[in-house]
Amino acid sequence: MIALAGLLVGIIAGLVLEPAVPAWLQPYLPIAIVAALDAVVGATRALLDGVFRDRVFVISFLSNVFVAAVIVWIGDLLGVGAQMSTGVVVVLTMRIFSNAAAIRRHLLKA
């Protein structure tokens, strides 16, 4: 319940304050969001499988975002930032769909 309240407060604060994302951070934000979604969907799968651990979720969440951002940053340094972003998004999206399929199989027994 606390998580839902925090989510609601965050959404309302974002709508009211309308924060601006700095230009230097803009290439990394979509990657961070996809990495965070991967961690959340993975945590949902772990919860349904009965093996969820909050510490593992937090570490997975932070490390996914950090590693994805570092990969894109290195790609920017090499001049291939867009290609690295695409690669990161493809890999993380494949993981999201794999976990979503496992969640569907668990919930629908199909």
PDB file of N, CA and C in Angstrom:
ATOM      1  N   MET A   1       0.819  -1.183   0.000  1.00  0.00           N
ATOM      2  CA  MET A   1       0.000   0.000   0.000  1.00  0.00           C
ATOM      3  C   MET A   1       0.864   1.249   0.000  1.00  0.00           C
ATOM      4  N   ILE A   2       1.993   1.187   0.712  1.00  0.00           N
ATOM      5  CA  ILE A   2       2.893   2.335   0.749  1.00  0.00           C
ATOM      6  C   ILE A   2       3.468   2.602  -0.638  1.00  0.00           C
ATOM      7  N   ALA A   3       3.784   1.545  -1.375  1.00  0.00           N
ATOM      8  CA  ALA A   3       4.329   1.712  -2.723  1.00  0.00           C
ATOM      9  C   ALA A   3       3.309   2.388  -3.638  1.00  0.00           C
ATOM     10  N   LEU A   4       2.051   1.989  -3.542  1.00  0.00           N
ATOM     11  CA  LEU A   4       1.021   2.615  -4.368  1.00  0.00           C
ATOM     12  C   LEU A   4       0.819   4.080  -3.996  1.00  0.00           C
ATOM     13  N   ALA A   5       0.878   4.383  -2.707  1.00  0.00           N
ATOM     14  CA  ALA A   5       0.756   5.775  -2.273  1.00  0.00           C
ATOM     15  C   ALA A   5       1.936   6.594  -2.798  1.00  0.00           C
ATOM     16  N   GLY A   6       3.130   6.030  -2.735  1.00  0.00           N
ATOM     17  CA  GLY A   6       4.315   6.711  -3.262  1.00  0.00           C
ATOM     18  C   GLY A   6       4.221   6.937  -4.758  1.00  0.00           C
ATOM     19  N   LEU A   7       3.705   5.937  -5.470  1.00  0.00           N
ATOM     20  CA  LEU A   7       3.520   6.073  -6.915  1.00  0.00           C
ATOM     21  C   LEU A   7       2.530   7.185  -7.226  1.00  0.00           C
ATOM     22  N   LEU A   8       1.438   7.216  -6.500  1.00  0.00           N
ATOM     23  CA  LEU A   8       0.426   8.249  -6.710  1.00  0.00           C
ATOM     24  C   LEU A   8       0.982   9.640  -6.411  1.00  0.00           C
ATOM     25  N   VAL A   9       1.712   9.780  -5.309  1.00  0.00           N
ATOM     26  CA  VAL A   9       2.324  11.066  -4.959  1.00  0.00           C
ATOM     27  C   VAL A   9       3.326  11.485  -6.044  1.00  0.00           C
ATOM     28  N   GLY A  10       4.106  10.540  -6.536  1.00  0.00           N
ATOM     29  CA  GLY A  10       5.081  10.834  -7.581  1.00  0.00           C
ATOM     30  C   GLY A  10       4.434  11.282  -8.874  1.00  0.00           C
ATOM     31  N   ILE A  11       3.354  10.620  -9.264  1.00  0.00           N
ATOM     32  CA  ILE A  11       2.644  11.004 -10.484  1.00  0.00           C
ATOM     33  C   ILE A  11       2.057  12.398 -10.346  1.00  0.00           C
ATOM     34  N   ILE A  12       1.420  12.661  -9.216  1.00  0.00           N
ATOM     35  CA  ILE A  12       0.829  13.986  -8.989  1.00  0.00           C
ATOM     36  C   ILE A  12       1.919  15.060  -8.962  1.00  0.00           C
ATOM     37  N   ALA A  13       3.028  14.789  -8.279  1.00  0.00           N
ATOM     38  CA  ALA A  13       4.126  15.762  -8.224  1.00  0.00           C
ATOM     39  C   ALA A  13       4.678  16.030  -9.624  1.00  0.00           C
ATOM     40  N   GLY A  14       4.810  14.994 -10.429  1.00  0.00           N
ATOM     41  CA  GLY A  14       5.298  15.172 -11.795  1.00  0.00           C
ATOM     42  C   GLY A  14       4.358  15.995 -12.646  1.00  0.00           C
ATOM     43  N   LEU A  15       3.058  15.782 -12.475  1.00  0.00           N
ATOM     44  CA  LEU A  15       2.080  16.555 -13.249  1.00  0.00           C
ATOM     45  C   LEU A  15       2.026  18.013 -12.803  1.00  0.00           C
ATOM     46  N   VAL A  16       2.143  18.244 -11.507  1.00  0.00           N
ATOM     47  CA  VAL A  16       2.056  19.607 -10.980  1.00  0.00           C
ATOM     48  C   VAL A  16       3.350  20.388 -11.235  1.00  0.00           C
ATOM     49  N   LEU A  17       4.491  19.774 -10.955  1.00  0.00           N
ATOM     50  CA  LEU A  17       5.772  20.468 -11.057  1.00  0.00           C
ATOM     51  C   LEU A  17       6.336  20.527 -12.475  1.00  0.00           C
ATOM     52  N   GLU A  18       5.918  19.599 -13.334  1.00  0.00           N
ATOM     53  CA  GLU A  18       6.396  19.505 -14.713  1.00  0.00           C
ATOM     54  C   GLU A  18       7.918  19.650 -14.799  1.00  0.00           C
ATOM     55  N   PRO A  19       8.647  18.702 -14.235  1.00  0.00           N
ATOM     56  CA  PRO A  19      10.107  18.828 -14.238  1.00  0.00           C
ATOM     57  C   PRO A  19      10.679  18.712 -15.645  1.00  0.00           C
ATOM     58  N   ALA A  20      11.739  19.462 -15.896  1.00  0.00           N
ATOM     59  CA  ALA A  20      12.424  19.410 -17.185  1.00  0.00           C
ATOM     60  C   ALA A  20      13.640  18.493 -17.065  1.00  0.00           C
ATOM     61  N   VAL A  21      13.828  17.666 -18.054  1.00  0.00           N
ATOM     62  CA  VAL A  21      14.985  16.767 -18.075  1.00  0.00           C
ATOM     63  C   VAL A  21      16.144  17.522 -18.730  1.00  0.00           C
ATOM     64  N   PRO A  22      17.291  17.600 -18.062  1.00  0.00           N
ATOM     65  CA  PRO A  22      18.443  18.292 -18.662  1.00  0.00           C
ATOM     66  C   PRO A  22      18.835  17.644 -19.985  1.00  0.00           C
ATOM     67  N   ALA A  23      19.345  18.451 -20.899  1.00  0.00           N
ATOM     68  CA  ALA A  23      19.692  17.959 -22.244  1.00  0.00           C
ATOM     69  C   ALA A  23      20.710  16.829 -22.198  1.00  0.00           C
ATOM     70  N   TRP A  24      21.670  16.891 -21.281  1.00  0.00           N
ATOM     71  CA  TRP A  24      22.699  15.856 -21.231  1.00  0.00           C
ATOM     72  C   TRP A  24      22.143  14.522 -20.753  1.00  0.00           C
ATOM     73  N   LEU A  25      20.998  14.545 -20.070  1.00  0.00           N
ATOM     74  CA  LEU A  25      20.411  13.328 -19.530  1.00  0.00           C
ATOM     75  C   LEU A  25      19.386  12.692 -20.481  1.00  0.00           C
ATOM     76  N   GLN A  26      18.916  13.448 -21.444  1.00  0.00           N
ATOM     77  CA  GLN A  26      17.847  12.972 -22.324  1.00  0.00           C
ATOM     78  C   GLN A  26      18.161  11.683 -23.074  1.00  0.00           C
ATOM     79  N   PRO A  27      19.373  11.461 -23.579  1.00  0.00           N
ATOM     80  CA  PRO A  27      19.627  10.185 -24.274  1.00  0.00           C
ATOM     81  C   PRO A  27      19.565   8.965 -23.351  1.00  0.00           C
ATOM     82  N   TYR A  28      19.761   9.181 -22.054  1.00  0.00           N
ATOM     83  CA  TYR A  28      19.842   8.070 -21.112  1.00  0.00           C
ATOM     84  C   TYR A  28      18.499   7.747 -20.461  1.00  0.00           C
ATOM     85  N   LEU A  29      17.574   8.677 -20.464  1.00  0.00           N
ATOM     86  CA  LEU A  29      16.300   8.482 -19.777  1.00  0.00           C
ATOM     87  C   LEU A  29      15.481   7.320 -20.351  1.00  0.00           C
ATOM     88  N   PRO A  30      15.295   7.227 -21.672  1.00  0.00           N
ATOM     89  CA  PRO A  30      14.526   6.071 -22.188  1.00  0.00           C
ATOM     90  C   PRO A  30      15.177   4.732 -21.856  1.00  0.00           C
ATOM     91  N   ILE A  31      16.506   4.702 -21.895  1.00  0.00           N
ATOM     92  CA  ILE A  31      17.221   3.466 -21.572  1.00  0.00           C
ATOM     93  C   ILE A  31      17.003   3.108 -20.104  1.00  0.00           C
ATOM     94  N   ALA A  32      17.071   4.106 -19.240  1.00  0.00           N
ATOM     95  CA  ALA A  32      16.863   3.872 -17.811  1.00  0.00           C
ATOM     96  C   ALA A  32      15.447   3.378 -17.543  1.00  0.00           C
ATOM     97  N   ILE A  33      14.468   3.921 -18.251  1.00  0.00           N
ATOM     98  CA  ILE A  33      13.083   3.500 -18.058  1.00  0.00           C
ATOM     99  C   ILE A  33      12.893   2.053 -18.493  1.00  0.00           C
ATOM    100  N   VAL A  34      13.449   1.683 -19.639  1.00  0.00           N
ATOM    101  CA  VAL A  34      13.318   0.296 -20.111  1.00  0.00           C
ATOM    102  C   VAL A  34      14.044  -0.655 -19.157  1.00  0.00           C
ATOM    103  N   ALA A  35      15.216  -0.260 -18.660  1.00  0.00           N
ATOM    104  CA  ALA A  35      15.946  -1.098 -17.709  1.00  0.00           C
ATOM    105  C   ALA A  35      15.154  -1.262 -16.411  1.00  0.00           C
ATOM    106  N   ALA A  36      14.528  -0.184 -15.961  1.00  0.00           N
ATOM    107  CA  ALA A  36      13.715  -0.255 -14.746  1.00  0.00           C
ATOM    108  C   ALA A  36      12.492  -1.146 -14.966  1.00  0.00           C
ATOM    109  N   LEU A  37      11.858  -1.036 -16.129  1.00  0.00           N
ATOM    110  CA  LEU A  37      10.710  -1.905 -16.441  1.00  0.00           C
ATOM    111  C   LEU A  37      11.123  -3.368 -16.455  1.00  0.00           C
ATOM    112  N   ASP A  38      12.313  -3.647 -16.974  1.00  0.00           N
ATOM    113  CA  ASP A  38      12.813  -5.025 -16.968  1.00  0.00           C
ATOM    114  C   ASP A  38      12.920  -5.547 -15.540  1.00  0.00           C
ATOM    115  N   ALA A  39      13.447  -4.726 -14.647  1.00  0.00           N
ATOM    116  CA  ALA A  39      13.575  -5.150 -13.248  1.00  0.00           C
ATOM    117  C   ALA A  39      12.209  -5.364 -12.606  1.00  0.00           C
ATOM    118  N   VAL A  40      11.256  -4.491 -12.893  1.00  0.00           N
ATOM    119  CA  VAL A  40       9.920  -4.608 -12.298  1.00  0.00           C
ATOM    120  C   VAL A  40       9.201  -5.852 -12.811  1.00  0.00           C
ATOM    121  N   VAL A  41       9.281  -6.106 -14.113  1.00  0.00           N
ATOM    122  CA  VAL A  41       8.621  -7.298 -14.666  1.00  0.00           C
ATOM    123  C   VAL A  41       9.302  -8.562 -14.146  1.00  0.00           C
ATOM    124  N   GLY A  42      10.631  -8.527 -14.026  1.00  0.00           N
ATOM    125  CA  GLY A  42      11.353  -9.661 -13.443  1.00  0.00           C
ATOM    126  C   GLY A  42      10.957  -9.904 -11.989  1.00  0.00           C
ATOM    127  N   ALA A  43      10.760  -8.819 -11.249  1.00  0.00           N
ATOM    128  CA  ALA A  43      10.331  -8.951  -9.851  1.00  0.00           C
ATOM    129  C   ALA A  43       8.924  -9.525  -9.761  1.00  0.00           C
ATOM    130  N   THR A  44       8.058  -9.127 -10.680  1.00  0.00           N
ATOM    131  CA  THR A  44       6.692  -9.670 -10.701  1.00  0.00           C
ATOM    132  C   THR A  44       6.725 -11.171 -10.964  1.00  0.00           C
ATOM    133  N   ARG A  45       7.575 -11.575 -11.903  1.00  0.00           N
ATOM    134  CA  ARG A  45       7.709 -13.007 -12.187  1.00  0.00           C
ATOM    135  C   ARG A  45       8.228 -13.752 -10.953  1.00  0.00           C
ATOM    136  N   ALA A  46       9.241 -13.184 -10.304  1.00  0.00           N
ATOM    137  CA  ALA A  46       9.801 -13.818  -9.108  1.00  0.00           C
ATOM    138  C   ALA A  46       8.752 -13.906  -8.005  1.00  0.00           C
ATOM    139  N   LEU A  47       7.932 -12.890  -7.867  1.00  0.00           N
ATOM    140  CA  LEU A  47       6.873 -12.894  -6.853  1.00  0.00           C
ATOM    141  C   LEU A  47       5.887 -14.023  -7.119  1.00  0.00           C
ATOM    142  N   LEU A  48       5.489 -14.181  -8.377  1.00  0.00           N
ATOM    143  CA  LEU A  48       4.545 -15.247  -8.724  1.00  0.00           C
ATOM    144  C   LEU A  48       5.173 -16.630  -8.574  1.00  0.00           C
ATOM    145  N   ASP A  49       6.479 -16.720  -8.799  1.00  0.00           N
ATOM    146  CA  ASP A  49       7.184 -17.997  -8.631  1.00  0.00           C
ATOM    147  C   ASP A  49       7.514 -18.285  -7.169  1.00  0.00           C
ATOM    148  N   GLY A  50       7.281 -17.298  -6.304  1.00  0.00           N
ATOM    149  CA  GLY A  50       7.529 -17.487  -4.884  1.00  0.00           C
ATOM    150  C   GLY A  50       8.981 -17.347  -4.474  1.00  0.00           C
ATOM    151  N   VAL A  51       9.801 -16.713  -5.323  1.00  0.00           N
ATOM    152  CA  VAL A  51      11.222 -16.570  -5.005  1.00  0.00           C
ATOM    153  C   VAL A  51      11.639 -15.095  -4.918  1.00  0.00           C
ATOM    154  N   PHE A  52      10.689 -14.189  -4.774  1.00  0.00           N
ATOM    155  CA  PHE A  52      10.990 -12.758  -4.717  1.00  0.00           C
ATOM    156  C   PHE A  52      11.751 -12.412  -3.446  1.00  0.00           C
ATOM    157  N   ARG A  53      12.807 -11.627  -3.607  1.00  0.00           N
ATOM    158  CA  ARG A  53      13.578 -11.093  -2.487  1.00  0.00           C
ATOM    159  C   ARG A  53      13.740  -9.597  -2.734  1.00  0.00           C
ATOM    160  N   ASP A  54      13.350  -8.787  -1.768  1.00  0.00           N
ATOM    161  CA  ASP A  54      13.385  -7.339  -1.964  1.00  0.00           C
ATOM    162  C   ASP A  54      14.797  -6.817  -2.204  1.00  0.00           C
ATOM    163  N   ARG A  55      15.765  -7.389  -1.532  1.00  0.00           N
ATOM    164  CA  ARG A  55      17.157  -6.958  -1.722  1.00  0.00           C
ATOM    165  C   ARG A  55      17.619  -7.238  -3.151  1.00  0.00           C
ATOM    166  N   VAL A  56      17.284  -8.405  -3.669  1.00  0.00           N
ATOM    167  CA  VAL A  56      17.646  -8.759  -5.044  1.00  0.00           C
ATOM    168  C   VAL A  56      16.965  -7.800  -6.018  1.00  0.00           C
ATOM    169  N   PHE A  57      15.709  -7.451  -5.753  1.00  0.00           N
ATOM    170  CA  PHE A  57      14.991  -6.528  -6.633  1.00  0.00           C
ATOM    171  C   PHE A  57      15.673  -5.162  -6.668  1.00  0.00           C
ATOM    172  N   VAL A  58      16.009  -4.616  -5.512  1.00  0.00           N
ATOM    173  CA  VAL A  58      16.635  -3.287  -5.465  1.00  0.00           C
ATOM    174  C   VAL A  58      17.983  -3.304  -6.181  1.00  0.00           C
ATOM    175  N   ILE A  59      18.776  -4.324  -5.917  1.00  0.00           N
ATOM    176  CA  ILE A  59      20.084  -4.420  -6.575  1.00  0.00           C
ATOM    177  C   ILE A  59      19.907  -4.604  -8.079  1.00  0.00           C
ATOM    178  N   SER A  60      18.965  -5.433  -8.500  1.00  0.00           N
ATOM    179  CA  SER A  60      18.698  -5.637  -9.917  1.00  0.00           C
ATOM    180  C   SER A  60      18.234  -4.351 -10.577  1.00  0.00           C
ATOM    181  N   PHE A  61      17.328  -3.646  -9.926  1.00  0.00           N
ATOM    182  CA  PHE A  61      16.794  -2.392 -10.448  1.00  0.00           C
ATOM    183  C   PHE A  61      17.926  -1.382 -10.672  1.00  0.00           C
ATOM    184  N   LEU A  62      18.727  -1.155  -9.644  1.00  0.00           N
ATOM    185  CA  LEU A  62      19.798  -0.162  -9.742  1.00  0.00           C
ATOM    186  C   LEU A  62      20.897  -0.593 -10.712  1.00  0.00           C
ATOM    187  N   SER A  63      21.271  -1.864 -10.672  1.00  0.00           N
ATOM    188  CA  SER A  63      22.347  -2.310 -11.556  1.00  0.00           C
ATOM    189  C   SER A  63      21.894  -2.327 -13.013  1.00  0.00           C
ATOM    190  N   ASN A  64      20.646  -2.694 -13.295  1.00  0.00           N
ATOM    191  CA  ASN A  64      20.144  -2.647 -14.673  1.00  0.00           C
ATOM    192  C   ASN A  64      20.231  -1.236 -15.237  1.00  0.00           C
ATOM    193  N   VAL A  65      19.763  -0.274 -14.456  1.00  0.00           N
ATOM    194  CA  VAL A  65      19.783   1.117 -14.903  1.00  0.00           C
ATOM    195  C   VAL A  65      21.223   1.588 -15.086  1.00  0.00           C
ATOM    196  N   PHE A  66      22.085   1.276 -14.135  1.00  0.00           N
ATOM    197  CA  PHE A  66      23.477   1.719 -14.205  1.00  0.00           C
ATOM    198  C   PHE A  66      24.202   1.098 -15.400  1.00  0.00           C
ATOM    199  N   VAL A  67      24.090  -0.210 -15.564  1.00  0.00           N
ATOM    200  CA  VAL A  67      24.791  -0.885 -16.660  1.00  0.00           C
ATOM    201  C   VAL A  67      24.279  -0.405 -18.015  1.00  0.00           C
ATOM    202  N   ALA A  68      22.979  -0.251 -18.155  1.00  0.00           N
ATOM    203  CA  ALA A  68      22.425   0.233 -19.420  1.00  0.00           C
ATOM    204  C   ALA A  68      22.927   1.643 -19.722  1.00  0.00           C
ATOM    205  N   ALA A  69      22.956   2.509 -18.715  1.00  0.00           N
ATOM    206  CA  ALA A  69      23.445   3.876 -18.925  1.00  0.00           C
ATOM    207  C   ALA A  69      24.926   3.880 -19.288  1.00  0.00           C
ATOM    208  N   VAL A  70      25.721   3.040 -18.638  1.00  0.00           N
ATOM    209  CA  VAL A  70      27.157   2.979 -18.943  1.00  0.00           C
ATOM    210  C   VAL A  70      27.379   2.487 -20.369  1.00  0.00           C
ATOM    211  N   ILE A  71      26.630   1.494 -20.793  1.00  0.00           N
ATOM    212  CA  ILE A  71      26.782   0.992 -22.162  1.00  0.00           C
ATOM    213  C   ILE A  71      26.474   2.094 -23.168  1.00  0.00           C
ATOM    214  N   VAL A  72      25.408   2.834 -22.955  1.00  0.00           N
ATOM    215  CA  VAL A  72      25.052   3.916 -23.870  1.00  0.00           C
ATOM    216  C   VAL A  72      26.088   5.041 -23.794  1.00  0.00           C
ATOM    217  N   TRP A  73      26.587   5.339 -22.604  1.00  0.00           N
ATOM    218  CA  TRP A  73      27.615   6.370 -22.452  1.00  0.00           C
ATOM    219  C   TRP A  73      28.893   5.996 -23.218  1.00  0.00           C
ATOM    220  N   ILE A  74      29.298   4.736 -23.097  1.00  0.00           N
ATOM    221  CA  ILE A  74      30.476   4.279 -23.842  1.00  0.00           C
ATOM    222  C   ILE A  74      30.202   4.359 -25.344  1.00  0.00           C
ATOM    223  N   GLY A  75      28.998   4.006 -25.747  1.00  0.00           N
ATOM    224  CA  GLY A  75      28.629   4.145 -27.149  1.00  0.00           C
ATOM    225  C   GLY A  75      28.704   5.587 -27.616  1.00  0.00           C
ATOM    226  N   ASP A  76      28.286   6.516 -26.772  1.00  0.00           N
ATOM    227  CA  ASP A  76      28.399   7.942 -27.113  1.00  0.00           C
ATOM    228  C   ASP A  76      29.861   8.340 -27.278  1.00  0.00           C
ATOM    229  N   LEU A  77      30.720   7.856 -26.391  1.00  0.00           N
ATOM    230  CA  LEU A  77      32.148   8.172 -26.493  1.00  0.00           C
ATOM    231  C   LEU A  77      32.751   7.624 -27.786  1.00  0.00           C
ATOM    232  N   LEU A  78      32.254   6.469 -28.210  1.00  0.00           N
ATOM    233  CA  LEU A  78      32.762   5.850 -29.444  1.00  0.00           C
ATOM    234  C   LEU A  78      32.078   6.385 -30.695  1.00  0.00           C
ATOM    235  N   GLY A  79      31.046   7.187 -30.509  1.00  0.00           N
ATOM    236  CA  GLY A  79      30.320   7.742 -31.656  1.00  0.00           C
ATOM    237  C   GLY A  79      29.225   6.837 -32.185  1.00  0.00           C
ATOM    238  N   VAL A  80      28.859   5.827 -31.422  1.00  0.00           N
ATOM    239  CA  VAL A  80      27.807   4.898 -31.847  1.00  0.00           C
ATOM    240  C   VAL A  80      26.718   4.803 -30.782  1.00  0.00           C
ATOM    241  N   GLY A  81      26.425   5.935 -30.148  1.00  0.00           N
ATOM    242  CA  GLY A  81      25.462   5.952 -29.052  1.00  0.00           C
ATOM    243  C   GLY A  81      24.084   5.465 -29.444  1.00  0.00           C
ATOM    244  N   ALA A  82      23.619   5.867 -30.646  1.00  0.00           N
ATOM    245  CA  ALA A  82      22.282   5.458 -31.089  1.00  0.00           C
ATOM    246  C   ALA A  82      22.208   3.944 -31.290  1.00  0.00           C
ATOM    247  N   GLN A  83      23.256   3.371 -31.864  1.00  0.00           N
ATOM    248  CA  GLN A  83      23.273   1.925 -32.084  1.00  0.00           C
ATOM    249  C   GLN A  83      23.337   1.174 -30.765  1.00  0.00           C
ATOM    250  N   MET A  84      24.107   1.690 -29.814  1.00  0.00           N
ATOM    251  CA  MET A  84      24.180   1.041 -28.502  1.00  0.00           C
ATOM    252  C   MET A  84      22.846   1.148 -27.776  1.00  0.00           C
ATOM    253  N   SER A  85      22.182   2.296 -27.904  1.00  0.00           N
ATOM    254  CA  SER A  85      20.859   2.457 -27.298  1.00  0.00           C
ATOM    255  C   SER A  85      19.895   1.439 -27.868  1.00  0.00           C
ATOM    256  N   THR A  86      19.939   1.269 -29.178  1.00  0.00           N
ATOM    257  CA  THR A  86      19.054   0.296 -29.823  1.00  0.00           C
ATOM    258  C   THR A  86      19.348  -1.111 -29.326  1.00  0.00           C
ATOM    259  N   GLY A  87      20.619  -1.446 -29.219  1.00  0.00           N
ATOM    260  CA  GLY A  87      20.997  -2.774 -28.721  1.00  0.00           C
ATOM    261  C   GLY A  87      20.511  -3.021 -27.300  1.00  0.00           C
ATOM    262  N   VAL A  88      20.686  -2.025 -26.439  1.00  0.00           N
ATOM    263  CA  VAL A  88      20.239  -2.164 -25.049  1.00  0.00           C
ATOM    264  C   VAL A  88      18.727  -2.329 -24.999  1.00  0.00           C
ATOM    265  N   VAL A  89      18.006  -1.523 -25.765  1.00  0.00           N
ATOM    266  CA  VAL A  89      16.542  -1.607 -25.766  1.00  0.00           C
ATOM    267  C   VAL A  89      16.084  -2.965 -26.283  1.00  0.00           C
ATOM    268  N   VAL A  90      16.718  -3.469 -27.330  1.00  0.00           N
ATOM    269  CA  VAL A  90      16.330  -4.772 -27.881  1.00  0.00           C
ATOM    270  C   VAL A  90      16.540  -5.879 -26.851  1.00  0.00           C
ATOM    271  N   VAL A  91      17.697  -5.902 -26.214  1.00  0.00           N
ATOM    272  CA  VAL A  91      17.995  -6.957 -25.235  1.00  0.00           C
ATOM    273  C   VAL A  91      17.036  -6.881 -24.048  1.00  0.00           C
ATOM    274  N   LEU A  92      16.845  -5.681 -23.506  1.00  0.00           N
ATOM    275  CA  LEU A  92      15.964  -5.551 -22.345  1.00  0.00           C
ATOM    276  C   LEU A  92      14.510  -5.838 -22.709  1.00  0.00           C
ATOM    277  N   THR A  93      14.103  -5.452 -23.905  1.00  0.00           N
ATOM    278  CA  THR A  93      12.732  -5.737 -24.336  1.00  0.00           C
ATOM    279  C   THR A  93      12.519  -7.234 -24.504  1.00  0.00           C
ATOM    280  N   MET A  94      13.523  -7.932 -24.995  1.00  0.00           N
ATOM    281  CA  MET A  94      13.404  -9.393 -25.103  1.00  0.00           C
ATOM    282  C   MET A  94      13.234 -10.009 -23.718  1.00  0.00           C
ATOM    283  N   ARG A  95      13.967  -9.497 -22.731  1.00  0.00           N
ATOM    284  CA  ARG A  95      13.828 -10.000 -21.354  1.00  0.00           C
ATOM    285  C   ARG A  95      12.449  -9.679 -20.791  1.00  0.00           C
ATOM    286  N   ILE A  96      11.952  -8.489 -21.093  1.00  0.00           N
ATOM    287  CA  ILE A  96      10.617  -8.104 -20.611  1.00  0.00           C
ATOM    288  C   ILE A  96       9.569  -9.041 -21.200  1.00  0.00           C
ATOM    289  N   PHE A  97       9.640  -9.306 -22.501  1.00  0.00           N
ATOM    290  CA  PHE A  97       8.669 -10.199 -23.125  1.00  0.00           C
ATOM    291  C   PHE A  97       8.797 -11.627 -22.608  1.00  0.00           C
ATOM    292  N   SER A  98      10.016 -12.079 -22.352  1.00  0.00           N
ATOM    293  CA  SER A  98      10.219 -13.422 -21.804  1.00  0.00           C
ATOM    294  C   SER A  98       9.584 -13.530 -20.418  1.00  0.00           C
ATOM    295  N   ASN A  99       9.820 -12.529 -19.583  1.00  0.00           N
ATOM    296  CA  ASN A  99       9.217 -12.542 -18.247  1.00  0.00           C
ATOM    297  C   ASN A  99       7.706 -12.385 -18.316  1.00  0.00           C
ATOM    298  N   ALA A 100       7.232 -11.556 -19.250  1.00  0.00           N
ATOM    299  CA  ALA A 100       5.779 -11.386 -19.411  1.00  0.00           C
ATOM    300  C   ALA A 100       5.129 -12.702 -19.842  1.00  0.00           C
ATOM    301  N   ALA A 101       5.799 -13.456 -20.701  1.00  0.00           N
ATOM    302  CA  ALA A 101       5.266 -14.752 -21.112  1.00  0.00           C
ATOM    303  C   ALA A 101       5.210 -15.713 -19.927  1.00  0.00           C
ATOM    304  N   ALA A 102       6.232 -15.681 -19.093  1.00  0.00           N
ATOM    305  CA  ALA A 102       6.229 -16.550 -17.902  1.00  0.00           C
ATOM    306  C   ALA A 102       5.107 -16.147 -16.926  1.00  0.00           C
ATOM    307  N   ILE A 103       4.886 -14.839 -16.800  1.00  0.00           N
ATOM    308  CA  ILE A 103       3.802 -14.355 -15.945  1.00  0.00           C
ATOM    309  C   ILE A 103       2.451 -14.799 -16.501  1.00  0.00           C
ATOM    310  N   ARG A 104       2.292 -14.674 -17.814  1.00  0.00           N
ATOM    311  CA  ARG A 104       1.043 -15.115 -18.458  1.00  0.00           C
ATOM    312  C   ARG A 104       0.830 -16.605 -18.251  1.00  0.00           C
ATOM    313  N   ARG A 105       1.874 -17.404 -18.433  1.00  0.00           N
ATOM    314  CA  ARG A 105       1.747 -18.853 -18.228  1.00  0.00           C
ATOM    315  C   ARG A 105       1.380 -19.150 -16.788  1.00  0.00           C
ATOM    316  N   HIS A 106       1.943 -18.413 -15.862  1.00  0.00           N
ATOM    317  CA  HIS A 106       1.656 -18.652 -14.458  1.00  0.00           C
ATOM    318  C   HIS A 106       0.221 -18.280 -14.108  1.00  0.00           C
ATOM    319  N   LEU A 107      -0.226 -17.139 -14.592  1.00  0.00           N
ATOM    320  CA  LEU A 107      -1.561 -16.660 -14.244  1.00  0.00           C
ATOM    321  C   LEU A 107      -2.676 -17.397 -14.983  1.00  0.00           C
ATOM    322  N   LEU A 108      -2.449 -17.656 -16.267  1.00  0.00           N
ATOM    323  CA  LEU A 108      -3.494 -18.261 -17.094  1.00  0.00           C
ATOM    324  C   LEU A 108      -3.322 -19.760 -17.297  1.00  0.00           C
ATOM    325  N   LYS A 109      -2.240 -20.299 -16.772  1.00  0.00           N
ATOM    326  CA  LYS A 109      -1.953 -21.715 -16.920  1.00  0.00           C
ATOM    327  C   LYS A 109      -1.950 -22.130 -18.397  1.00  0.00           C
ATOM    328  N   ALA A 110      -1.437 -21.207 -19.243  1.00  0.00           N
ATOM    329  CA  ALA A 110      -1.414 -21.475 -20.687  1.00  0.00           C
ATOM    330  C   ALA A 110      -0.071 -21.109 -21.270  1.00  0.00           C
TER     331      ALA A 110
END
